[in-house]
Structure formats: C-alpha cells, structure tokens
C-alpha atoms as a PDB file:
ATOM      1  CA  UNK A   1      29.355  27.346  24.463  1.00  0.00           C
ATOM      2  CA  UNK A   2      25.789  26.350  24.962  1.00  0.00           C
ATOM      3  CA  UNK A   3      24.646  25.795  28.681  1.00  0.00           C
ATOM      4  CA  UNK A   4      24.080  22.215  29.579  1.00  0.00           C
ATOM      5  CA  UNK A   5      20.346  21.106  29.637  1.00  0.00           C
ATOM      6  CA  UNK A   6      18.970  21.086  33.026  1.00  0.00           C
ATOM      7  CA  UNK A   7      18.421  17.545  34.467  1.00  0.00           C
ATOM      8  CA  UNK A   8      15.682  16.447  36.672  1.00  0.00           C
ATOM      9  CA  UNK A   9      16.452  15.371  40.045  1.00  0.00           C
ATOM     10  CA  UNK A  10      17.414  11.747  40.301  1.00  0.00           C
ATOM     11  CA  UNK A  11      14.622   9.552  41.704  1.00  0.00           C
ATOM     12  CA  UNK A  12      12.078  12.259  41.893  1.00  0.00           C
ATOM     13  CA  UNK A  13       8.740  11.700  40.144  1.00  0.00           C
ATOM     14  CA  UNK A  14       7.639  13.962  37.179  1.00  0.00           C
ATOM     15  CA  UNK A  15       3.938  13.375  37.132  1.00  0.00           C
ATOM     16  CA  UNK A  16       2.978  15.993  34.489  1.00  0.00           C
ATOM     17  CA  UNK A  17       5.737  14.715  32.301  1.00  0.00           C
ATOM     18  CA  UNK A  18       4.361  11.134  32.546  1.00  0.00           C
ATOM     19  CA  UNK A  19       0.765  12.398  31.875  1.00  0.00           C
ATOM     20  CA  UNK A  20       1.995  13.948  28.583  1.00  0.00           C
ATOM     21  CA  UNK A  21       3.970  11.224  27.525  1.00  0.00           C
ATOM     22  CA  UNK A  22       1.013   8.934  27.830  1.00  0.00           C
ATOM     23  CA  UNK A  23      -1.245  11.210  26.078  1.00  0.00           C
ATOM     24  CA  UNK A  24       1.361  11.465  23.261  1.00  0.00           C
ATOM     25  CA  UNK A  25       1.630   7.554  23.010  1.00  0.00           C
ATOM     26  CA  UNK A  26      -2.183   7.244  23.092  1.00  0.00           C
ATOM     27  CA  UNK A  27      -2.637   9.919  20.380  1.00  0.00           C
ATOM     28  CA  UNK A  28      -0.250   8.310  17.793  1.00  0.00           C
ATOM     29  CA  UNK A  29      -1.208   6.060  15.405  1.00  0.00           C
ATOM     30  CA  UNK A  30      -0.216   4.494  12.083  1.00  0.00           C
ATOM     31  CA  UNK A  31      -1.195   7.127   9.325  1.00  0.00           C
ATOM     32  CA  UNK A  32      -2.253   5.380   6.150  1.00  0.00           C
ATOM     33  CA  UNK A  33      -3.463   8.467   4.220  1.00  0.00           C
ATOM     34  CA  UNK A  34      -1.487  11.826   3.932  1.00  0.00           C
ATOM     35  CA  UNK A  35      -2.157  15.255   2.697  1.00  0.00           C
ATOM     36  CA  UNK A  36       0.188  16.357  -0.064  1.00  0.00           C
ATOM     37  CA  UNK A  37       1.635  19.308   1.993  1.00  0.00           C
ATOM     38  CA  UNK A  38       5.461  18.935   2.927  1.00  0.00           C
ATOM     39  CA  UNK A  39       6.696  19.366   6.584  1.00  0.00           C
ATOM     40  CA  UNK A  40       9.295  22.467   7.024  1.00  0.00           C
ATOM     41  CA  UNK A  41      12.562  21.125   7.208  1.00  0.00           C
ATOM     42  CA  UNK A  42      13.177  22.926  10.649  1.00  0.00           C
ATOM     43  CA  UNK A  43      10.332  20.772  12.126  1.00  0.00           C
ATOM     44  CA  UNK A  44      11.778  17.756  10.743  1.00  0.00           C
ATOM     45  CA  UNK A  45      15.170  18.519  12.130  1.00  0.00           C
ATOM     46  CA  UNK A  46      13.716  19.238  15.655  1.00  0.00           C
ATOM     47  CA  UNK A  47      11.876  15.883  15.391  1.00  0.00           C
ATOM     48  CA  UNK A  48      15.070  14.029  14.826  1.00  0.00           C
ATOM     49  CA  UNK A  49      16.838  16.067  17.401  1.00  0.00           C
ATOM     50  CA  UNK A  50      14.381  14.927  20.087  1.00  0.00           C
ATOM     51  CA  UNK A  51      14.517  11.246  18.770  1.00  0.00           C
ATOM     52  CA  UNK A  52      18.212  11.409  19.342  1.00  0.00           C
ATOM     53  CA  UNK A  53      17.636  11.379  22.767  1.00  0.00           C
ATOM     54  CA  UNK A  54      16.562   7.719  22.797  1.00  0.00           C
ATOM     55  CA  UNK A  55      19.017   5.204  24.502  1.00  0.00           C
ATOM     56  CA  UNK A  56      21.323   2.951  22.345  1.00  0.00           C
ATOM     57  CA  UNK A  57      23.865   0.245  23.018  1.00  0.00           C
ATOM     58  CA  UNK A  58      27.092   1.810  24.337  1.00  0.00           C
ATOM     59  CA  UNK A  59      25.580   5.257  23.085  1.00  0.00           C
ATOM     60  CA  UNK A  60      26.599   4.073  19.533  1.00  0.00           C
ATOM     61  CA  UNK A  61      23.433   5.906  17.931  1.00  0.00           C
ATOM     62  CA  UNK A  62      23.578   3.346  15.081  1.00  0.00           C
ATOM     63  CA  UNK A  63      20.758   4.861  13.118  1.00  0.00           C
ATOM     64  CA  UNK A  64      21.237   7.024   9.895  1.00  0.00           C
ATOM     65  CA  UNK A  65      18.336   8.454   7.876  1.00  0.00           C
ATOM     66  CA  UNK A  66      17.755   9.387   4.299  1.00  0.00           C
ATOM     67  CA  UNK A  67      14.938  11.740   4.154  1.00  0.00           C
ATOM     68  CA  UNK A  68      13.214  12.589   0.955  1.00  0.00           C
ATOM     69  CA  UNK A  69      11.835  15.932   0.030  1.00  0.00           C
ATOM     70  CA  UNK A  70       8.599  16.153  -1.712  1.00  0.00           C
ATOM     71  CA  UNK A  71       9.760  16.004  -5.467  1.00  0.00           C
ATOM     72  CA  UNK A  72      12.146  13.152  -4.680  1.00  0.00           C
ATOM     73  CA  UNK A  73       9.459  11.302  -2.685  1.00  0.00           C
ATOM     74  CA  UNK A  74       7.138  11.509  -5.677  1.00  0.00           C
ATOM     75  CA  UNK A  75       9.788  10.098  -7.984  1.00  0.00           C
ATOM     76  CA  UNK A  76      10.702   7.350  -5.649  1.00  0.00           C
ATOM     77  CA  UNK A  77       6.919   6.338  -4.959  1.00  0.00           C
ATOM     78  CA  UNK A  78       6.281   6.102  -8.736  1.00  0.00           C
ATOM     79  CA  UNK A  79       9.527   3.882  -9.334  1.00  0.00           C
ATOM     80  CA  UNK A  80       9.094   1.734  -6.119  1.00  0.00           C
ATOM     81  CA  UNK A  81       5.235   0.908  -6.535  1.00  0.00           C
ATOM     82  CA  UNK A  82       5.856  -0.025 -10.114  1.00  0.00           C
ATOM     83  CA  UNK A  83       8.914  -2.240  -9.165  1.00  0.00           C
ATOM     84  CA  UNK A  84       7.387  -3.943  -6.147  1.00  0.00           C
ATOM     85  CA  UNK A  85       4.442  -5.484  -8.393  1.00  0.00           C
ATOM     86  CA  UNK A  86       7.223  -7.185 -10.269  1.00  0.00           C
ATOM     87  CA  UNK A  87      10.019  -8.121  -7.608  1.00  0.00           C
ATOM     88  CA  UNK A  88      10.010 -10.720  -4.853  1.00  0.00           C
ATOM     89  CA  UNK A  89      10.750  -9.675  -1.289  1.00  0.00           C
ATOM     90  CA  UNK A  90      14.609  -9.495  -0.499  1.00  0.00           C
ATOM     91  CA  UNK A  91      14.940  -7.852   3.001  1.00  0.00           C
ATOM     92  CA  UNK A  92      18.387  -7.467   4.427  1.00  0.00           C
ATOM     93  CA  UNK A  93      17.071  -8.546   7.734  1.00  0.00           C
ATOM     94  CA  UNK A  94      14.867 -11.982   7.836  1.00  0.00           C
ATOM     95  CA  UNK A  95      11.209 -11.338   8.414  1.00  0.00           C
ATOM     96  CA  UNK A  96       9.117 -13.370  11.015  1.00  0.00           C
ATOM     97  CA  UNK A  97       9.019 -17.039  10.057  1.00  0.00           C
ATOM     98  CA  UNK A  98       5.581 -17.210  11.448  1.00  0.00           C
ATOM     99  CA  UNK A  99       2.925 -15.491  13.618  1.00  0.00           C
ATOM    100  CA  UNK A 100       1.329 -17.928  16.142  1.00  0.00           C
ATOM    101  CA  UNK A 101      -1.113 -17.585  19.031  1.00  0.00           C
ATOM    102  CA  UNK A 102      -1.961 -14.165  20.404  1.00  0.00           C
ATOM    103  CA  UNK A 103       0.462 -12.547  17.936  1.00  0.00           C
ATOM    104  CA  UNK A 104      -1.208 -13.976  15.133  1.00  0.00           C
ATOM    105  CA  UNK A 105      -4.464 -12.816  16.556  1.00  0.00           C
ATOM    106  CA  UNK A 106      -3.331  -9.235  17.137  1.00  0.00           C
ATOM    107  CA  UNK A 107      -2.166  -9.141  13.504  1.00  0.00           C
ATOM    108  CA  UNK A 108      -5.428 -10.442  12.183  1.00  0.00           C
ATOM    109  CA  UNK A 109      -7.459  -7.973  14.158  1.00  0.00           C
ATOM    110  CA  UNK A 110      -5.160  -5.025  12.977  1.00  0.00           C
ATOM    111  CA  UNK A 111      -5.466  -6.091   9.511  1.00  0.00           C
ATOM    112  CA  UNK A 112      -9.331  -6.576   9.459  1.00  0.00           C
ATOM    113  CA  UNK A 113      -9.857  -3.201  11.234  1.00  0.00           C
ATOM    114  CA  UNK A 114      -7.916  -1.687   8.101  1.00  0.00           C
ATOM    115  CA  UNK A 115      -9.970  -3.609   5.548  1.00  0.00           C
ATOM    116  CA  UNK A 116     -13.246  -2.908   7.333  1.00  0.00           C
ATOM    117  CA  UNK A 117     -12.421   0.709   7.471  1.00  0.00           C
ATOM    118  CA  UNK A 118     -11.783   0.660   3.603  1.00  0.00           C
ATOM    119  CA  UNK A 119     -14.754  -1.610   2.770  1.00  0.00           C
ATOM    120  CA  UNK A 120     -12.698  -4.617   1.662  1.00  0.00           C
ATOM    121  CA  UNK A 121     -14.517  -7.740   2.084  1.00  0.00           C
ATOM    122  CA  UNK A 122     -13.082 -11.103   3.363  1.00  0.00           C
ATOM    123  CA  UNK A 123     -11.956 -12.953   0.206  1.00  0.00           C
ATOM    124  CA  UNK A 124     -11.173  -9.904  -1.955  1.00  0.00           C
ATOM    125  CA  UNK A 125      -7.599 -10.915  -2.649  1.00  0.00           C
ATOM    126  CA  UNK A 126      -7.340  -8.140  -5.292  1.00  0.00           C
ATOM    127  CA  UNK A 127      -8.503  -5.294  -3.200  1.00  0.00           C
ATOM    128  CA  UNK A 128      -6.302  -6.448  -0.195  1.00  0.00           C
ATOM    129  CA  UNK A 129      -3.248  -6.682  -2.558  1.00  0.00           C
ATOM    130  CA  UNK A 130      -3.808  -3.128  -3.851  1.00  0.00           C
ATOM    131  CA  UNK A 131      -3.929  -1.625  -0.403  1.00  0.00           C
ATOM    132  CA  UNK A 132      -0.815  -3.733   0.459  1.00  0.00           C
ATOM    133  CA  UNK A 133       1.010  -2.060  -2.511  1.00  0.00           C
ATOM    134  CA  UNK A 134       0.029   1.462  -1.208  1.00  0.00           C
ATOM    135  CA  UNK A 135       2.940   0.897   1.145  1.00  0.00           C
ATOM    136  CA  UNK A 136       5.082   1.555  -1.634  1.00  0.00           C
ATOM    137  CA  UNK A 137       3.447   4.722  -2.196  1.00  0.00           C
ATOM    138  CA  UNK A 138       4.086   5.795   1.278  1.00  0.00           C
ATOM    139  CA  UNK A 139       0.411   6.133   1.557  1.00  0.00           C
ATOM    140  CA  UNK A 140       0.777   9.742  -0.085  1.00  0.00           C
ATOM    141  CA  UNK A 141       3.199  10.849   2.323  1.00  0.00           C
ATOM    142  CA  UNK A 142       5.163  14.105   1.281  1.00  0.00           C
ATOM    143  CA  UNK A 143       8.229  12.597   2.920  1.00  0.00           C
ATOM    144  CA  UNK A 144       9.809   9.100   3.675  1.00  0.00           C
ATOM    145  CA  UNK A 145      12.848   8.316   5.721  1.00  0.00           C
ATOM    146  CA  UNK A 146      14.887   5.199   5.184  1.00  0.00           C
ATOM    147  CA  UNK A 147      16.464   3.818   8.322  1.00  0.00           C
ATOM    148  CA  UNK A 148      19.627   1.941   8.127  1.00  0.00           C
ATOM    149  CA  UNK A 149      22.048   0.296  10.687  1.00  0.00           C
ATOM    150  CA  UNK A 150      25.580  -0.700  10.427  1.00  0.00           C
ATOM    151  CA  UNK A 151      25.847  -4.392   9.407  1.00  0.00           C
ATOM    152  CA  UNK A 152      28.536  -5.075  11.799  1.00  0.00           C
ATOM    153  CA  UNK A 153      26.308  -4.258  14.798  1.00  0.00           C
ATOM    154  CA  UNK A 154      23.805  -6.713  14.029  1.00  0.00           C
ATOM    155  CA  UNK A 155      20.842  -7.389  16.325  1.00  0.00           C
ATOM    156  CA  UNK A 156      21.697  -4.810  18.625  1.00  0.00           C
ATOM    157  CA  UNK A 157      22.055  -1.952  15.931  1.00  0.00           C
ATOM    158  CA  UNK A 158      18.599  -2.988  14.579  1.00  0.00           C
ATOM    159  CA  UNK A 159      17.300  -3.032  18.261  1.00  0.00           C
ATOM    160  CA  UNK A 160      18.661   0.537  18.851  1.00  0.00           C
ATOM    161  CA  UNK A 161      17.167   1.540  15.471  1.00  0.00           C
ATOM    162  CA  UNK A 162      13.559   0.389  16.748  1.00  0.00           C
ATOM    163  CA  UNK A 163      14.094   2.762  19.704  1.00  0.00           C
ATOM    164  CA  UNK A 164      14.507   5.649  17.534  1.00  0.00           C
ATOM    165  CA  UNK A 165      11.859   4.792  15.265  1.00  0.00           C
ATOM    166  CA  UNK A 166       9.539   5.136  18.390  1.00  0.00           C
ATOM    167  CA  UNK A 167      11.294   8.215  19.500  1.00  0.00           C
ATOM    168  CA  UNK A 168      10.940   9.561  16.044  1.00  0.00           C
ATOM    169  CA  UNK A 169       7.252   9.003  15.689  1.00  0.00           C
ATOM    170  CA  UNK A 170       6.341  10.100  19.344  1.00  0.00           C
ATOM    171  CA  UNK A 171       8.346  13.492  18.503  1.00  0.00           C
ATOM    172  CA  UNK A 172       6.432  13.728  15.265  1.00  0.00           C
ATOM    173  CA  UNK A 173       3.049  13.331  17.114  1.00  0.00           C
ATOM    174  CA  UNK A 174       4.283  16.160  19.658  1.00  0.00           C
ATOM    175  CA  UNK A 175       4.746  18.437  16.596  1.00  0.00           C
ATOM    176  CA  UNK A 176       1.651  17.615  14.861  1.00  0.00           C
ATOM    177  CA  UNK A 177       3.000  15.359  12.205  1.00  0.00           C
ATOM    178  CA  UNK A 178       1.663  11.999  11.432  1.00  0.00           C
ATOM    179  CA  UNK A 179       3.610   9.058  10.667  1.00  0.00           C
ATOM    180  CA  UNK A 180       3.669   5.311  10.034  1.00  0.00           C
ATOM    181  CA  UNK A 181       6.826   2.838  10.358  1.00  0.00           C
ATOM    182  CA  UNK A 182       6.833   0.879   7.227  1.00  0.00           C
ATOM    183  CA  UNK A 183       8.718  -2.534   7.440  1.00  0.00           C
ATOM    184  CA  UNK A 184       7.235  -3.384   3.880  1.00  0.00           C
ATOM    185  CA  UNK A 185       9.875  -0.890   2.300  1.00  0.00           C
ATOM    186  CA  UNK A 186      12.645  -3.153   3.773  1.00  0.00           C
ATOM    187  CA  UNK A 187      11.417  -5.882   1.457  1.00  0.00           C
ATOM    188  CA  UNK A 188      12.727  -3.932  -1.375  1.00  0.00           C
ATOM    189  CA  UNK A 189      16.199  -3.500  -0.013  1.00  0.00           C
ATOM    190  CA  UNK A 190      18.191  -4.035  -3.229  1.00  0.00           C
ATOM    191  CA  UNK A 191      15.986  -1.420  -5.022  1.00  0.00           C
ATOM    192  CA  UNK A 192      16.538   1.270  -2.200  1.00  0.00           C
ATOM    193  CA  UNK A 193      20.353   0.406  -1.910  1.00  0.00           C
ATOM    194  CA  UNK A 194      20.654   1.260  -5.626  1.00  0.00           C
ATOM    195  CA  UNK A 195      18.645   4.309  -5.614  1.00  0.00           C
ATOM    196  CA  UNK A 196      20.212   5.994  -2.621  1.00  0.00           C
ATOM    197  CA  UNK A 197      23.527   4.379  -3.131  1.00  0.00           C
ATOM    198  CA  UNK A 198      23.393   2.848   0.393  1.00  0.00           C
ATOM    199  CA  UNK A 199      26.567   0.849   1.135  1.00  0.00           C
ATOM    200  CA  UNK A 200      26.631  -2.858   1.333  1.00  0.00           C
ATOM    201  CA  UNK A 201      28.062  -2.399   5.219  1.00  0.00           C
ATOM    202  CA  UNK A 202      24.499  -0.950   6.387  1.00  0.00           C
ATOM    203  CA  UNK A 203      21.334  -2.672   6.582  1.00  0.00           C
ATOM    204  CA  UNK A 204      17.902  -1.369   5.405  1.00  0.00           C
ATOM    205  CA  UNK A 205      15.800  -1.661   8.632  1.00  0.00           C
ATOM    206  CA  UNK A 206      12.508   0.238   7.613  1.00  0.00           C
ATOM    207  CA  UNK A 207      11.019   3.239   6.434  1.00  0.00           C
ATOM    208  CA  UNK A 208       8.987   6.023   8.231  1.00  0.00           C
ATOM    209  CA  UNK A 209       6.483   7.866   6.009  1.00  0.00           C
ATOM    210  CA  UNK A 210       5.342  11.139   7.578  1.00  0.00           C
ATOM    211  CA  UNK A 211       3.367  14.197   6.912  1.00  0.00           C
ATOM    212  CA  UNK A 212       0.136  15.821   7.621  1.00  0.00           C
ATOM    213  CA  UNK A 213      -2.719  13.328   7.963  1.00  0.00           C
ATOM    214  CA  UNK A 214      -5.896  13.312   5.657  1.00  0.00           C
ATOM    215  CA  UNK A 215      -8.242  13.385   8.703  1.00  0.00           C
ATOM    216  CA  UNK A 216     -11.045  12.412   6.215  1.00  0.00           C
ATOM    217  CA  UNK A 217      -9.662   9.512   4.659  1.00  0.00           C
ATOM    218  CA  UNK A 218     -11.345   5.891   5.928  1.00  0.00           C
ATOM    219  CA  UNK A 219      -8.020   4.398   6.374  1.00  0.00           C
ATOM    220  CA  UNK A 220      -7.425   6.927   9.324  1.00  0.00           C
ATOM    221  CA  UNK A 221     -10.761   6.227  10.872  1.00  0.00           C
ATOM    222  CA  UNK A 222      -9.889   3.291  13.354  1.00  0.00           C
ATOM    223  CA  UNK A 223      -7.511   2.758  16.200  1.00  0.00           C
ATOM    224  CA  UNK A 224      -5.862  -0.396  17.356  1.00  0.00           C
ATOM    225  CA  UNK A 225      -5.901  -1.446  21.090  1.00  0.00           C
ATOM    226  CA  UNK A 226      -2.869  -2.472  23.416  1.00  0.00           C
ATOM    227  CA  UNK A 227      -2.462  -5.284  25.955  1.00  0.00           C
ATOM    228  CA  UNK A 228      -3.022  -4.236  29.723  1.00  0.00           C
ATOM    229  CA  UNK A 229      -0.082  -4.233  32.049  1.00  0.00           C
ATOM    230  CA  UNK A 230      -1.091  -7.457  33.599  1.00  0.00           C
ATOM    231  CA  UNK A 231      -0.938  -9.207  30.322  1.00  0.00           C
ATOM    232  CA  UNK A 232       2.917  -8.293  29.852  1.00  0.00           C
ATOM    233  CA  UNK A 233       4.264  -8.109  33.322  1.00  0.00           C
ATOM    234  CA  UNK A 234       5.499 -11.284  34.842  1.00  0.00           C
ATOM    235  CA  UNK A 235       6.247 -10.372  38.464  1.00  0.00           C
ATOM    236  CA  UNK A 236       8.587 -12.579  40.460  1.00  0.00           C
ATOM    237  CA  UNK A 237       9.789 -12.671  44.128  1.00  0.00           C
END
C-alpha cells in the first residue's frame, strides 16, 4: 500500500504555495499557435493526475477525457476543419444568448487583441472567419482532449468539468505545456460524438488543445487582463 499524502495543518497559511500558485495563474495564457512536437504520455498522465485533485459535487468527478495522440490529432483536425466550414453549430450545451455590458466589453477587447496581433483589420470578415476556423485545427496543437460529462448530472456536472479544465491548464503550465480551452469544439458535438463513438448519455463540454507553444507566432504575443478583486467582491456585514 502507498503511504497517505501528507496533509497541510488545518488553518495554517502556506505563503510560498500561494505565491507559486499565483505565478502559475499569471503565467498561463490561451495558446493559439503550437509547435508540432508531441508531449510524452507520462507528462500528460501527471497533468491529469494533478487536475484530478479539484473539487467536485459529492466527489462525483464527472469529467471524462478523450485524448488524441499526434497521428489521430492530425486526422481529426483535417476532417473537423472541413466539416466546420459547412455545418451549423449544434452544441450539446446552450451557448450564451447575449454578451452585455462589461462582458461584451471584455469579449470585444480580447478579440481585438488577437486580431491586432495578427494584423487583421476591422471589417475584414474573411480574415476573422479564417482565424475562427483555426479553432478546428486546434491551432496546430499535437494533442486535443475532448471533455465530456454525464447528461444526467446536468449543470452541476458541467460546472465540475469547468473546475477540472482549470486544474488541467494550471497543471500543464507547471509542466511547461501550453494549452487553450476550446468551447468552439463543442459547437460540433454531433461530429465529435460520431468520430469518437461518444454515448448519448454524455455531453460534449469543450476541448483542450495542448502542446508546446510556438513562442515566435504573433498569436501568442499578447495577454489579457483580469479584473481587480474590488470589482468582483461584494462585501456584506
């Protein structure tokens, strides 16, 4: 039997750990250009093992991953990119009905940061459409993970999967692996269900493309900002 993992003393601050975690979150970004080199499977397994530590409703751990090796990634990217140019979006989970106020503003700033880095001018719909379709090539990543959740667990299963995706990307950052969560892949849920034989009782939540970042690509040259705590916290009492 393996020995139990040592636990931190309850209520005791871990300042060094908090600094490390803050640095990881600050260093992580959504990578939109990857190198071709695959990631060792033992590294992927370790990333997943770390992400497994995130909390979930009643410890259900509802997430399941389909992870492609490089040859399968290449087959999938070619087929999915071709399909997405013809198919209407058909996600298992309804997308937002509207982005309003600050949410619309943040979305717009993020989008124009990307377009600016790539030299795409306002009004150039053809160029922006081509860039959007790069989602279905996984931005050149050697791997993609398709995240699914039990349909019967509904919103709470999906919420737990969101925690896992954050855990995965943070652990990947710690391992020197770049990543991007891809809601766009969920728009082609029927295609992915057929390709991977995903049963009907599981929802396609999103994808995570991952690999080594192409540091010289302009799509990786910008970083988004985050709201300050005072914009998020509503103190009471």
